[in-house]
Amino acid sequence: MSNPGLTQQRVLQVPLSSPYGQPQVDDTLFTPDADGFLLVSDTAKDITYKISKKVFVPGIAYSAGVAGSSAAPGFVGQLDLAFGLLTPIVSGMQSPHGLAFVTTSTADDSAVEKLKEACSALYPSE
């Protein structure tokens, strides 16, 4: 969305697709840094997963969701904003929600504090 609340307000809507069919996405995030990891909760299984790779490309979108078919797995995928294709990087979840990115490259914050912040994003207090 650009220019929110103004007469020049514009919204970009990207129709999504995936190898599992049309997905229903719960969360999308843009990686802020090359060093770090993703956290995602599988609420149906009561599990939080850590997704790691050597380097994340800053600014890339990742989404957590499920496909329209009940036989398709829940998954986290890399989102191509130009075409709406959500390419799975992790699958086999039941109900993925609460996607968060934990940056590990900043020397002034401890890893424990970053993990606490990411968990707070997943489970905000009411």
Protein backbone atom coordinates (compact mmCIF):
# COMPACT_ATOMS: atom_id res chain seq x y z
CA MET A 1 0.00 0.00 0.00
CA SER A 2 1.28 3.45 -0.81
CA ASN A 3 0.00 6.84 0.34
CA PRO A 4 -2.41 5.37 2.92
CA GLY A 5 -5.35 7.61 3.78
CA LEU A 6 -4.71 10.01 0.91
CA THR A 7 -6.64 10.38 -2.33
CA GLN A 8 -3.56 8.97 -4.11
CA GLN A 9 -3.74 5.76 -2.03
CA ARG A 10 -2.82 2.68 -4.07
CA VAL A 11 -2.95 -1.00 -3.17
CA LEU A 12 -1.13 -3.83 -4.93
CA GLN A 13 -2.97 -7.15 -4.83
CA VAL A 14 -1.04 -10.23 -5.97
CA PRO A 15 -3.10 -13.38 -6.73
CA LEU A 16 -1.23 -16.32 -5.19
CA SER A 17 -0.53 -19.79 -6.54
CA SER A 18 1.58 -22.73 -5.36
CA PRO A 19 2.41 -26.28 -6.47
CA TYR A 20 -0.33 -27.41 -4.03
CA GLY A 21 -3.03 -25.19 -5.55
CA GLN A 22 -4.27 -21.75 -4.52
CA PRO A 23 -2.87 -21.08 -1.03
CA GLN A 24 -4.47 -19.36 1.92
CA VAL A 25 -1.69 -17.34 3.51
CA ASP A 26 -1.63 -16.46 7.20
CA ASP A 27 1.57 -14.43 7.46
CA THR A 28 4.08 -12.84 5.10
CA LEU A 29 7.38 -11.25 6.06
CA PHE A 30 10.28 -9.65 4.22
CA THR A 31 13.73 -10.75 5.37
CA PRO A 32 15.50 -7.72 6.85
CA ASP A 33 18.99 -9.21 6.91
CA ALA A 34 21.19 -11.90 5.33
CA ASP A 35 22.05 -13.53 8.66
CA GLY A 36 19.31 -15.04 10.77
CA PHE A 37 16.54 -17.61 10.79
CA LEU A 38 12.78 -17.88 10.41
CA LEU A 39 10.41 -19.02 13.15
CA VAL A 40 6.97 -20.42 12.34
CA SER A 41 4.35 -21.98 14.61
CA ASP A 42 2.34 -25.02 13.59
CA THR A 43 -0.63 -24.28 15.84
CA ALA A 44 -2.37 -27.62 15.22
CA LYS A 45 0.74 -29.52 16.36
CA ASP A 46 1.69 -27.01 19.09
CA ILE A 47 5.24 -26.79 17.68
CA THR A 48 7.43 -23.85 16.70
CA TYR A 49 9.96 -24.55 13.95
CA LYS A 50 13.26 -22.80 13.23
CA ILE A 51 14.07 -22.54 9.50
CA SER A 52 17.75 -21.88 8.78
CA LYS A 53 19.88 -21.42 5.69
CA LYS A 54 23.39 -20.08 5.12
CA VAL A 55 22.29 -16.71 3.74
CA PHE A 56 18.91 -15.04 3.34
CA VAL A 57 18.55 -12.38 0.67
CA PRO A 58 17.32 -9.18 2.35
CA GLY A 59 13.93 -8.02 1.07
CA ILE A 60 12.70 -11.44 -0.08
CA ALA A 61 9.12 -12.30 0.95
CA TYR A 62 8.27 -15.55 2.74
CA SER A 63 4.73 -16.66 3.54
CA ALA A 64 3.17 -19.34 5.74
CA GLY A 65 -0.05 -20.95 4.66
CA VAL A 66 -2.06 -23.91 3.49
CA ALA A 67 -3.35 -24.83 0.05
CA GLY A 68 -7.04 -25.01 -0.82
CA SER A 69 -7.06 -28.82 -0.88
CA SER A 70 -7.42 -30.58 2.48
CA ALA A 71 -4.92 -33.21 1.25
CA ALA A 72 -2.20 -30.58 0.67
CA PRO A 73 0.28 -29.85 3.46
CA GLY A 74 0.77 -26.57 5.23
CA PHE A 75 4.01 -24.93 4.22
CA VAL A 76 6.35 -21.94 4.30
CA GLY A 77 7.35 -20.66 0.89
CA GLN A 78 9.32 -17.97 -0.86
CA LEU A 79 6.93 -15.54 -2.52
CA ASP A 80 7.57 -14.14 -6.00
CA LEU A 81 5.72 -10.82 -5.88
CA ALA A 82 5.85 -10.35 -9.65
CA PHE A 83 3.94 -13.56 -10.42
CA GLY A 84 2.36 -14.55 -7.08
CA LEU A 85 4.06 -17.95 -7.07
CA LEU A 86 4.66 -19.28 -3.56
CA THR A 87 7.47 -21.85 -3.80
CA PRO A 88 7.60 -24.14 -0.73
CA ILE A 89 10.85 -24.25 1.23
CA VAL A 90 9.37 -26.32 4.09
CA SER A 91 6.20 -28.42 3.92
CA GLY A 92 4.38 -31.05 5.96
CA MET A 93 2.84 -28.72 8.53
CA GLN A 94 -0.83 -28.77 9.48
CA SER A 95 -1.56 -25.12 10.25
CA PRO A 96 1.46 -22.76 9.98
CA HIS A 97 1.04 -19.31 11.57
CA GLY A 98 3.10 -16.57 13.19
CA LEU A 99 6.07 -16.18 10.87
CA ALA A 100 9.00 -14.18 12.35
CA PHE A 101 12.61 -13.46 11.37
CA VAL A 102 15.41 -13.41 13.96
CA THR A 103 18.50 -11.46 12.88
CA THR A 104 21.77 -12.90 14.18
CA SER A 105 24.28 -10.47 12.61
CA THR A 106 24.02 -7.58 15.11
CA ALA A 107 26.79 -7.81 17.69
CA ASP A 108 25.16 -5.58 20.33
CA ASP A 109 22.12 -7.83 21.01
CA SER A 110 22.42 -11.28 22.53
CA ALA A 111 20.89 -14.25 20.71
CA VAL A 112 18.64 -14.87 23.70
CA GLU A 113 17.14 -11.37 23.52
CA LYS A 114 16.53 -11.76 19.77
CA LEU A 115 14.81 -15.08 20.35
CA LYS A 116 12.61 -13.52 23.05
CA GLU A 117 11.62 -10.70 20.68
CA ALA A 118 10.78 -13.16 17.90
CA CYS A 119 8.71 -15.29 20.27
CA SER A 120 6.88 -12.17 21.44
CA ALA A 121 6.00 -11.47 17.81
CA LEU A 122 4.63 -15.01 17.50
CA TYR A 123 2.67 -14.89 20.76
CA PRO A 124 1.89 -11.27 21.64
CA SER A 125 0.54 -10.68 25.13
CA GLU A 126 -3.04 -9.42 25.26
